[in-house]
Amino acid sequence: MRGITPYPQCEGNIADACRDAAAGIGAQLDRLRAHLASLEPARLRMSAARHDALLTGYDIYARMLDDALQDIASGLQTEAELRLSDLTLAAGASR
C-alpha cells in the first residue's frame, strides 16, 4: 500500500509515535469511508440498506482499531514511565 510506512523512525516517545500513527491511519480510513459513502448502492448491485449496514460495520471496525492503537500507546506510555522510575530509583540508590 502506498503512503504507509510500517516502521517509521521514532525519535523520542514511542507512545506519541503510536498515537501519531493512529491519527494518520484514522485520517486515511476517514477518506476511504467518505469515498465508499459516495458510491451509489445500485451501481454496486446492492440495496441501500445493505450499503448502510456495511458502512456501519466499517465505522465500528475503524473505531475498534483506533481504540486498540490508543490502548497500545497507553501501555507503552505506562511501560516507559515505569522504566524511567526504575532508572531514577537505581541512580538514586547508587549514590
Foldseek 3Di string as FASTA:
>chain_A
DPPDDPDDDDDDQVLVVLLVVLVVVLVVLVVVLVVLVPDDVVVVVHDPVVSVVVSVVSVVVNVVVSVVSNVVSVVSVVVVVVVVVVVVVVVVVVD
